Amino acid sequence: MLVDEDLQTVRDISSDIGDSEYVSNDENSDDAFDDIDYEDFGNQMYECPFCDAMMWYGERIDKHRQTSRPKFGLCCMFGKVQLPKIRDAPPTLNNLVFGIDRRSKHFQEHVRSYNMMFSFTSLGGKVQTSINNGSGSYTFLLHGQNYHLLGSLLPEEGNRPKFAQLYIFDTENEIHNAVRSGNQSNDLHPAIVASLKDMIDGNNVLAQSYRVVRDLFSNDGHQGVKLRLVKSRSTHGRTYNLPNASEIAGLIVGDFDTQEGVRDIVVETRSNKLQRISEFHPLYLPLQYPLLFPYGEDGYRDDISLRENEER
């Protein structure tokens, strides 16, 4: 089973990919849930003086002391963790997100479905479906940790392309394929899909890497070609989070040493297996949310060095 989180559906694709050790469906879970008491901490009213993050008073250090000027360490370790500024979104996306015309309103209402159309990875998890036996609204219940799964460059023979495969396979009909893959309710606009496709092609380094593979397959065939999505970066993660296409990806032709770049993601040419993406890979979030990361910029990185800060 794979879960299309943003479409709130559960799709059985076991016939396409075979059994997956990563995804299961819990049909026998207990439907009875105990009432859980919670404490309301109010709104986030306090701003970190280092990173401007909004925090709750209960998140302050020295919780045993009452103070009108609390300090916080959860957000940036007192300024030791510094992240690069977020770039402005491309004009196409910016207009759709902040516009007030009918086209923009439609996009805002269906933004999760539009994101899923261009997502490189799918969501996996242990989903409980037995709670949806009544006549109430659909409830999406996920047990444990969810994860992101990445398929091969090309679909199995006779299967339709999904997720990242849409960037390579049958791109002459790409818009139609994307709409068909993510438009189960037939209420998404092909014109918006086309404009988003052009935006992603022009800005997203991940999409550009997959387009290089498409061009190679078109010209030279696809025997023994793999795509490696690199984990390490040569740029400083504290001040720069937008790698170029050559830094995040490389083509592999023929055999290669599996121990070299063991933490990288190696995408096979054609396989019926799905691989789980590590949460610590800088492309973990950009692969799943291309509209939140329109340039393919890095998400979380575990190698960002701390800076010295005189104030404590």
Protein backbone atom coordinates (compact mmCIF):
# COMPACT_ATOMS: atom_id res chain seq x y z
CA MET A 1 0.00 0.00 0.00
CA LEU A 2 1.09 3.56 -0.66
CA VAL A 3 -0.61 6.55 0.79
CA ASP A 4 -1.26 9.67 -1.24
CA GLU A 5 -1.39 11.88 1.83
CA ASP A 6 -2.34 15.02 0.00
CA LEU A 7 -5.23 13.37 -1.80
CA GLN A 8 -6.38 11.58 1.36
CA THR A 9 -6.54 8.28 -0.41
CA VAL A 10 -5.03 4.88 0.06
CA ARG A 11 -3.94 3.19 -3.13
CA ASP A 12 -3.16 -0.49 -3.51
CA ILE A 13 -0.31 -0.73 -5.98
CA SER A 14 1.10 -4.05 -4.86
CA SER A 15 0.49 -5.40 -8.33
CA ASP A 16 2.83 -2.74 -9.68
CA ILE A 17 5.72 -2.92 -7.27
CA GLY A 18 5.44 -6.24 -5.50
CA ASP A 19 5.47 -6.59 -1.73
CA SER A 20 7.06 -3.76 0.15
CA GLU A 21 8.55 -4.24 3.58
CA TYR A 22 8.03 -0.58 4.34
CA VAL A 23 4.28 -0.18 4.03
CA SER A 24 1.56 -2.05 5.79
CA ASN A 25 -2.10 -1.64 6.61
CA ASP A 26 -3.39 -2.19 10.12
CA GLU A 27 -6.84 -3.66 9.77
CA ASN A 28 -6.97 -5.11 13.30
CA SER A 29 -6.11 -2.08 15.38
CA ASP A 30 -8.24 -1.21 18.36
CA ASP A 31 -10.81 1.38 17.41
CA ALA A 32 -11.26 2.53 20.99
CA PHE A 33 -9.18 5.55 21.89
CA ASP A 34 -8.89 6.89 25.40
CA ASP A 35 -9.61 10.54 25.95
CA ILE A 36 -6.31 12.34 26.32
CA ASP A 37 -6.12 15.39 28.56
CA TYR A 38 -4.03 18.28 27.32
CA GLU A 39 -2.83 21.59 28.68
CA ASP A 40 -3.35 24.81 26.74
CA PHE A 41 -0.20 26.95 26.74
CA GLY A 42 -1.87 29.76 24.82
CA ASN A 43 -0.27 31.46 21.85
CA GLN A 44 3.39 31.73 20.97
CA MET A 45 3.99 35.21 22.36
CA TYR A 46 7.77 35.40 22.79
CA GLU A 47 10.33 36.04 20.08
CA CYS A 48 13.84 34.61 20.14
CA PRO A 49 16.29 37.54 19.98
CA PHE A 50 18.65 35.55 17.78
CA CYS A 51 16.51 33.88 15.10
CA ASP A 52 13.12 35.63 15.59
CA ALA A 53 11.33 32.31 16.13
CA MET A 54 8.06 32.60 18.03
CA MET A 55 8.13 30.51 21.18
CA TRP A 56 5.91 29.57 24.10
CA TYR A 57 6.84 30.81 27.55
CA GLY A 58 6.94 27.19 28.71
CA GLU A 59 9.78 26.50 26.24
CA ARG A 60 12.19 28.88 28.00
CA ILE A 61 15.36 27.73 29.68
CA ASP A 62 15.44 27.87 33.48
CA LYS A 63 11.77 26.96 33.70
CA HIS A 64 11.89 27.22 37.48
CA ARG A 65 12.46 30.98 37.22
CA GLN A 66 9.78 33.52 36.37
CA THR A 67 11.04 36.27 34.07
CA SER A 68 9.69 38.89 31.72
CA ARG A 69 12.60 38.34 29.32
CA PRO A 70 12.82 34.59 28.79
CA LYS A 71 15.60 33.00 26.76
CA PHE A 72 15.21 30.01 24.48
CA GLY A 73 17.56 27.34 23.23
CA LEU A 74 15.28 24.94 21.35
CA CYS A 75 15.14 27.02 18.19
CA CYS A 76 18.73 28.03 17.42
CA MET A 77 20.86 27.22 20.48
CA PHE A 78 21.21 30.90 21.36
CA GLY A 79 22.20 31.93 17.86
CA LYS A 80 24.71 29.14 17.23
CA VAL A 81 22.55 27.67 14.48
CA GLN A 82 22.13 30.07 11.61
CA LEU A 83 20.16 29.16 8.49
CA PRO A 84 20.22 30.95 5.13
CA LYS A 85 17.41 33.31 4.28
CA ILE A 86 14.52 31.85 2.29
CA ARG A 87 14.44 32.99 -1.32
CA ASP A 88 11.34 34.57 -2.74
CA ALA A 89 9.16 32.11 -4.64
CA PRO A 90 9.18 32.26 -8.45
CA PRO A 91 6.58 34.74 -9.78
CA THR A 92 4.29 31.98 -11.07
CA LEU A 93 4.02 30.36 -7.65
CA ASN A 94 3.96 33.64 -5.77
CA ASN A 95 0.99 34.88 -7.81
CA LEU A 96 -0.94 31.66 -7.28
CA VAL A 97 -0.31 31.60 -3.53
CA PHE A 98 -1.11 35.25 -2.81
CA GLY A 99 -3.50 36.09 -5.64
CA ILE A 100 -7.18 36.81 -5.04
CA ASP A 101 -8.54 36.02 -8.50
CA ARG A 102 -10.57 32.89 -9.23
CA ARG A 103 -7.58 30.99 -10.64
CA SER A 104 -5.51 31.66 -7.53
CA LYS A 105 -8.38 30.77 -5.21
CA HIS A 106 -8.74 27.45 -7.00
CA PHE A 107 -5.02 26.75 -6.62
CA GLN A 108 -5.06 27.61 -2.92
CA GLU A 109 -7.94 25.22 -2.33
CA HIS A 110 -6.18 22.36 -4.14
CA VAL A 111 -2.53 23.18 -3.45
CA ARG A 112 -1.81 19.79 -1.85
CA SER A 113 -3.05 17.94 -4.91
CA TYR A 114 -1.01 20.16 -7.21
CA ASN A 115 2.07 19.50 -5.09
CA MET A 116 1.48 15.75 -5.26
CA MET A 117 1.46 15.92 -9.06
CA PHE A 118 5.06 17.11 -9.08
CA SER A 119 6.30 15.20 -6.04
CA PHE A 120 9.29 12.94 -6.66
CA THR A 121 8.54 10.64 -3.72
CA SER A 122 5.44 9.01 -2.27
CA LEU A 123 4.39 8.77 1.34
CA GLY A 124 4.49 5.44 3.12
CA GLY A 125 3.10 4.54 6.50
CA LYS A 126 1.01 2.23 8.62
CA VAL A 127 -2.55 3.37 7.98
CA GLN A 128 -5.60 2.32 9.93
CA THR A 129 -8.69 2.19 7.72
CA SER A 130 -11.13 0.34 9.96
CA ILE A 131 -12.23 3.58 11.64
CA ASN A 132 -13.92 4.66 8.40
CA ASN A 133 -16.77 2.17 8.64
CA GLY A 134 -19.41 4.73 9.51
CA SER A 135 -21.07 7.47 7.52
CA GLY A 136 -19.01 10.34 8.91
CA SER A 137 -16.26 12.29 7.20
CA TYR A 138 -13.13 10.47 6.08
CA THR A 139 -10.48 10.12 8.81
CA PHE A 140 -6.83 9.65 7.96
CA LEU A 141 -5.07 7.86 10.82
CA LEU A 142 -1.39 7.03 10.59
CA HIS A 143 0.33 4.89 13.23
CA GLY A 144 3.98 5.33 14.04
CA GLN A 145 6.37 7.10 11.71
CA ASN A 146 5.64 7.94 8.11
CA TYR A 147 8.36 7.84 5.48
CA HIS A 148 9.09 8.86 1.92
CA LEU A 149 9.67 6.29 -0.82
CA LEU A 150 11.38 6.72 -4.18
CA GLY A 151 10.91 4.47 -7.18
CA SER A 152 13.09 3.78 -10.20
CA LEU A 153 13.71 6.11 -13.13
CA LEU A 154 11.34 4.21 -15.41
CA PRO A 155 8.15 2.27 -14.65
CA GLU A 156 7.89 -1.45 -15.15
CA GLU A 157 6.77 -2.51 -18.61
CA GLY A 158 3.06 -1.88 -19.05
CA ASN A 159 2.73 0.34 -15.98
CA ARG A 160 1.94 4.02 -15.92
CA PRO A 161 4.63 6.46 -14.68
CA LYS A 162 4.26 7.77 -11.14
CA PHE A 163 5.91 10.55 -9.16
CA ALA A 164 9.52 11.15 -10.30
CA GLN A 165 9.03 8.92 -13.35
CA LEU A 166 6.75 11.61 -14.79
CA TYR A 167 9.84 13.78 -15.31
CA ILE A 168 11.40 11.18 -17.62
CA PHE A 169 8.87 8.81 -19.15
CA ASP A 170 6.48 9.85 -21.94
CA THR A 171 7.10 13.55 -21.41
CA GLU A 172 5.32 14.37 -24.66
CA ASN A 173 2.13 13.67 -22.70
CA GLU A 174 3.48 14.86 -19.36
CA ILE A 175 0.70 17.27 -18.49
CA HIS A 176 -1.96 14.70 -19.30
CA ASN A 177 -0.11 12.05 -17.29
CA ALA A 178 0.31 14.40 -14.32
CA VAL A 179 -3.34 15.39 -14.31
CA ARG A 180 -4.40 11.76 -14.57
CA SER A 181 -2.09 10.70 -11.75
CA GLY A 182 -3.25 13.34 -9.29
CA ASN A 183 -6.66 14.48 -10.45
CA GLN A 184 -8.96 11.79 -9.16
CA SER A 185 -11.84 14.23 -8.70
CA ASN A 186 -11.39 15.87 -12.13
CA ASP A 187 -11.31 19.36 -10.63
CA LEU A 188 -7.72 20.41 -11.35
CA HIS A 189 -6.85 22.75 -14.20
CA PRO A 190 -4.42 21.60 -16.91
CA ALA A 191 -3.45 25.24 -17.55
CA ILE A 192 -2.21 25.60 -13.96
CA VAL A 193 -0.39 22.27 -14.24
CA ALA A 194 1.34 23.51 -17.41
CA SER A 195 2.43 26.78 -15.77
CA LEU A 196 3.76 24.94 -12.71
CA LYS A 197 5.62 22.50 -14.94
CA ASP A 198 7.37 25.36 -16.74
CA MET A 199 8.22 27.00 -13.42
CA ILE A 200 9.69 23.81 -11.96
CA ASP A 201 11.66 23.05 -15.11
CA GLY A 202 13.15 26.52 -15.07
CA ASN A 203 14.03 26.70 -11.38
CA ASN A 204 14.17 23.33 -9.65
CA VAL A 205 17.60 21.66 -9.73
CA LEU A 206 16.08 18.26 -8.94
CA ALA A 207 13.76 18.46 -11.93
CA GLN A 208 16.66 19.59 -14.10
CA SER A 209 18.66 16.53 -13.01
CA TYR A 210 15.81 14.24 -14.02
CA ARG A 211 15.48 16.07 -17.33
CA VAL A 212 19.14 15.32 -18.03
CA VAL A 213 18.34 11.64 -17.58
CA ARG A 214 15.36 12.00 -19.92
CA ASP A 215 17.55 13.54 -22.61
CA LEU A 216 20.18 10.82 -22.19
CA PHE A 217 17.57 8.08 -22.51
CA SER A 218 16.13 9.77 -25.57
CA ASN A 219 19.48 10.01 -27.32
CA ASP A 220 21.42 6.97 -26.15
CA GLY A 221 18.95 4.52 -24.64
CA HIS A 222 18.81 3.59 -21.01
CA GLN A 223 20.91 0.51 -20.53
CA GLY A 224 22.66 0.47 -17.15
CA VAL A 225 22.14 4.15 -16.30
CA LYS A 226 21.46 5.20 -12.71
CA LEU A 227 21.00 8.55 -11.01
CA ARG A 228 22.88 9.32 -7.81
CA LEU A 229 21.44 12.00 -5.52
CA VAL A 230 24.37 13.14 -3.42
CA LYS A 231 24.12 13.78 0.31
CA SER A 232 27.32 15.73 0.95
CA ARG A 233 27.69 19.37 -0.07
CA SER A 234 30.69 21.50 -0.86
CA THR A 235 28.89 24.72 0.09
CA HIS A 236 28.47 26.05 3.61
CA GLY A 237 25.07 24.98 4.95
CA ARG A 238 24.91 27.93 7.35
CA THR A 239 24.86 30.54 4.61
CA TYR A 240 23.87 28.69 1.44
CA ASN A 241 21.23 26.05 0.84
CA LEU A 242 20.74 26.14 -2.93
CA PRO A 243 23.10 23.63 -4.60
CA ASN A 244 23.44 23.46 -8.34
CA ALA A 245 22.33 20.48 -10.41
CA SER A 246 25.84 19.07 -10.77
CA GLU A 247 26.34 19.14 -7.00
CA ILE A 248 23.20 17.24 -6.03
CA ALA A 249 23.13 14.60 -8.75
CA GLY A 250 25.34 12.55 -11.02
CA LEU A 251 24.79 9.91 -13.66
CA ILE A 252 26.22 6.41 -13.18
CA VAL A 253 26.83 4.32 -16.25
CA GLY A 254 27.66 0.66 -15.72
CA ASP A 255 28.87 -0.85 -12.45
CA PHE A 256 30.05 1.21 -9.50
CA ASP A 257 31.42 0.71 -6.01
CA THR A 258 28.44 0.39 -3.65
CA GLN A 259 30.58 1.51 -0.71
CA GLU A 260 31.41 4.80 -2.37
CA GLY A 261 28.84 7.41 -1.45
CA VAL A 262 26.99 4.88 0.70
CA ARG A 263 24.77 7.63 2.15
CA ASP A 264 23.72 8.84 -1.29
CA ILE A 265 20.46 7.90 -3.01
CA VAL A 266 21.04 5.71 -6.05
CA VAL A 267 18.01 5.54 -8.34
CA GLU A 268 17.94 2.42 -10.50
CA THR A 269 16.94 2.54 -14.16
CA ARG A 270 14.01 0.18 -13.78
CA SER A 271 13.05 -1.71 -10.64
CA ASN A 272 9.92 -2.93 -8.88
CA LYS A 273 11.39 -1.95 -5.51
CA LEU A 274 10.89 1.26 -3.58
CA GLN A 275 13.67 2.68 -1.46
CA ARG A 276 13.15 4.61 1.73
CA ILE A 277 14.74 8.06 1.84
CA SER A 278 16.64 8.95 4.99
CA GLU A 279 15.20 11.83 6.99
CA PHE A 280 18.75 13.16 7.27
CA HIS A 281 19.28 13.48 3.54
CA PRO A 282 19.10 17.16 2.53
CA LEU A 283 16.73 16.25 -0.31
CA TYR A 284 14.25 14.42 1.93
CA LEU A 285 11.79 17.32 2.02
CA PRO A 286 12.45 18.86 -1.42
CA LEU A 287 11.69 15.52 -3.07
CA GLN A 288 8.28 15.36 -1.39
CA TYR A 289 7.27 19.02 -1.45
CA PRO A 290 8.46 20.68 -4.69
CA LEU A 291 6.05 23.60 -4.24
CA LEU A 292 7.49 24.36 -0.79
CA PHE A 293 11.02 24.00 -2.18
CA PRO A 294 10.55 25.36 -5.72
CA TYR A 295 14.28 25.69 -6.37
CA GLY A 296 15.10 22.21 -5.04
CA GLU A 297 16.95 23.87 -2.18
CA ASP A 298 18.20 21.71 0.67
CA GLY A 299 16.01 20.91 3.63
CA TYR A 300 17.46 19.80 6.94
CA ARG A 301 21.19 19.07 6.97
CA ASP A 302 23.04 17.41 9.84
CA ASP A 303 26.42 18.87 8.88
CA ILE A 304 25.71 22.58 9.44
CA SER A 305 28.49 23.89 11.63
CA LEU A 306 27.74 26.06 14.63
CA ARG A 307 28.86 29.65 14.77
CA GLU A 308 30.43 31.34 17.75
CA ASN A 309 28.19 33.75 19.59
CA GLU A 310 29.46 36.05 22.31
CA GLU A 311 26.04 36.63 23.86
CA ARG A 312 24.73 33.94 26.21
